[in-house]
Amino acid sequence: MTLEDLKNELHGRTFPKKVQISPDQIVVDVDKFLKVQFLSCESWSRDITKCPSYVRLIKFWDAIK
């Protein structure tokens, strides 16, 4: 999934207050989480699949499907 695909899928949706994306990670402020992760991905200059923020966004996407 590309970064643009993720943006299209995630922006404008409503989410639960807390989203557990892994056993040790819980997103408690979804709007801030998405903003920070997308900003980090946009500034990443190498392979996007190796970007930690991209990996977290994919985990978030899998958690809310």
C-alpha atoms as a PDB file:
ATOM      1  CA  MET A   1       0.000   0.000   0.000  1.00  0.00           C
ATOM      2  CA  THR A   2       1.422   3.378  -0.948  1.00  0.00           C
ATOM      3  CA  LEU A   3       1.538   6.395   1.315  1.00  0.00           C
ATOM      4  CA  GLU A   4      -1.102   8.082  -0.866  1.00  0.00           C
ATOM      5  CA  ASP A   5      -3.378   5.041  -0.515  1.00  0.00           C
ATOM      6  CA  LEU A   6      -3.022   5.239   3.253  1.00  0.00           C
ATOM      7  CA  LYS A   7      -3.822   8.963   3.245  1.00  0.00           C
ATOM      8  CA  ASN A   8      -6.926   8.385   1.159  1.00  0.00           C
ATOM      9  CA  GLU A   9      -8.110   5.545   3.376  1.00  0.00           C
ATOM     10  CA  LEU A  10      -7.398   7.163   6.753  1.00  0.00           C
ATOM     11  CA  HIS A  11      -8.153  10.864   6.358  1.00  0.00           C
ATOM     12  CA  GLY A  12     -11.713  11.929   7.027  1.00  0.00           C
ATOM     13  CA  ARG A  13     -12.705   8.768   8.902  1.00  0.00           C
ATOM     14  CA  THR A  14     -13.783   8.477  12.486  1.00  0.00           C
ATOM     15  CA  PHE A  15     -11.860   6.181  14.805  1.00  0.00           C
ATOM     16  CA  PRO A  16     -12.255   4.828  18.323  1.00  0.00           C
ATOM     17  CA  LYS A  17     -10.621   6.823  21.129  1.00  0.00           C
ATOM     18  CA  LYS A  18      -7.934   4.169  21.561  1.00  0.00           C
ATOM     19  CA  VAL A  19      -6.517   1.864  18.912  1.00  0.00           C
ATOM     20  CA  GLN A  20      -4.128  -0.930  19.827  1.00  0.00           C
ATOM     21  CA  ILE A  21      -1.740  -1.387  16.900  1.00  0.00           C
ATOM     22  CA  SER A  22       0.443  -4.024  18.548  1.00  0.00           C
ATOM     23  CA  PRO A  23       0.693  -5.720  21.939  1.00  0.00           C
ATOM     24  CA  ASP A  24       2.902  -2.907  23.216  1.00  0.00           C
ATOM     25  CA  GLN A  25       1.508   0.102  21.297  1.00  0.00           C
ATOM     26  CA  ILE A  26      -1.801   1.880  21.887  1.00  0.00           C
ATOM     27  CA  VAL A  27      -2.724   5.042  20.005  1.00  0.00           C
ATOM     28  CA  VAL A  28      -4.624   7.346  22.363  1.00  0.00           C
ATOM     29  CA  ASP A  29      -4.753  10.509  20.213  1.00  0.00           C
ATOM     30  CA  VAL A  30      -5.503   9.267  16.694  1.00  0.00           C
ATOM     31  CA  ASP A  31      -5.514  12.678  14.984  1.00  0.00           C
ATOM     32  CA  LYS A  32      -2.112  13.618  16.389  1.00  0.00           C
ATOM     33  CA  PHE A  33      -0.746  10.141  15.671  1.00  0.00           C
ATOM     34  CA  LEU A  34      -1.781  10.314  12.018  1.00  0.00           C
ATOM     35  CA  LYS A  35      -0.448  13.849  11.595  1.00  0.00           C
ATOM     36  CA  VAL A  36       2.967  13.007  13.048  1.00  0.00           C
ATOM     37  CA  GLN A  37       3.308   9.700  11.208  1.00  0.00           C
ATOM     38  CA  PHE A  38       2.424  11.213   7.833  1.00  0.00           C
ATOM     39  CA  LEU A  39       4.805  14.145   8.364  1.00  0.00           C
ATOM     40  CA  SER A  40       7.591  11.753   9.224  1.00  0.00           C
ATOM     41  CA  CYS A  41       6.875   9.609   6.157  1.00  0.00           C
ATOM     42  CA  GLU A  42       6.867  12.616   3.867  1.00  0.00           C
ATOM     43  CA  SER A  43      10.313  13.671   5.064  1.00  0.00           C
ATOM     44  CA  TRP A  44      11.735  10.134   4.738  1.00  0.00           C
ATOM     45  CA  SER A  45      14.121  10.031   1.762  1.00  0.00           C
ATOM     46  CA  ARG A  46      14.862   6.309   1.576  1.00  0.00           C
ATOM     47  CA  ASP A  47      12.695   3.261   0.876  1.00  0.00           C
ATOM     48  CA  ILE A  48       9.334   4.093   2.456  1.00  0.00           C
ATOM     49  CA  THR A  49       8.765   0.509   3.591  1.00  0.00           C
ATOM     50  CA  LYS A  50      11.748   0.894   5.935  1.00  0.00           C
ATOM     51  CA  CYS A  51      10.361   4.054   7.548  1.00  0.00           C
ATOM     52  CA  PRO A  52       9.263   3.363  11.166  1.00  0.00           C
ATOM     53  CA  SER A  53       6.325   5.751  10.788  1.00  0.00           C
ATOM     54  CA  TYR A  54       5.138   3.940   7.679  1.00  0.00           C
ATOM     55  CA  VAL A  55       5.310   0.630   9.546  1.00  0.00           C
ATOM     56  CA  ARG A  56       3.204   2.142  12.362  1.00  0.00           C
ATOM     57  CA  LEU A  57       0.660   3.447   9.825  1.00  0.00           C
ATOM     58  CA  ILE A  58       0.360  -0.016   8.286  1.00  0.00           C
ATOM     59  CA  LYS A  59      -0.130  -1.511  11.761  1.00  0.00           C
ATOM     60  CA  PHE A  60      -2.785   1.140  12.461  1.00  0.00           C
ATOM     61  CA  TRP A  61      -4.538   0.345   9.174  1.00  0.00           C
ATOM     62  CA  ASP A  62      -4.519  -3.384   9.958  1.00  0.00           C
ATOM     63  CA  ALA A  63      -5.903  -2.721  13.443  1.00  0.00           C
ATOM     64  CA  ILE A  64      -8.914  -0.729  12.210  1.00  0.00           C
ATOM     65  CA  LYS A  65      -9.879  -2.874   9.213  1.00  0.00           C
END
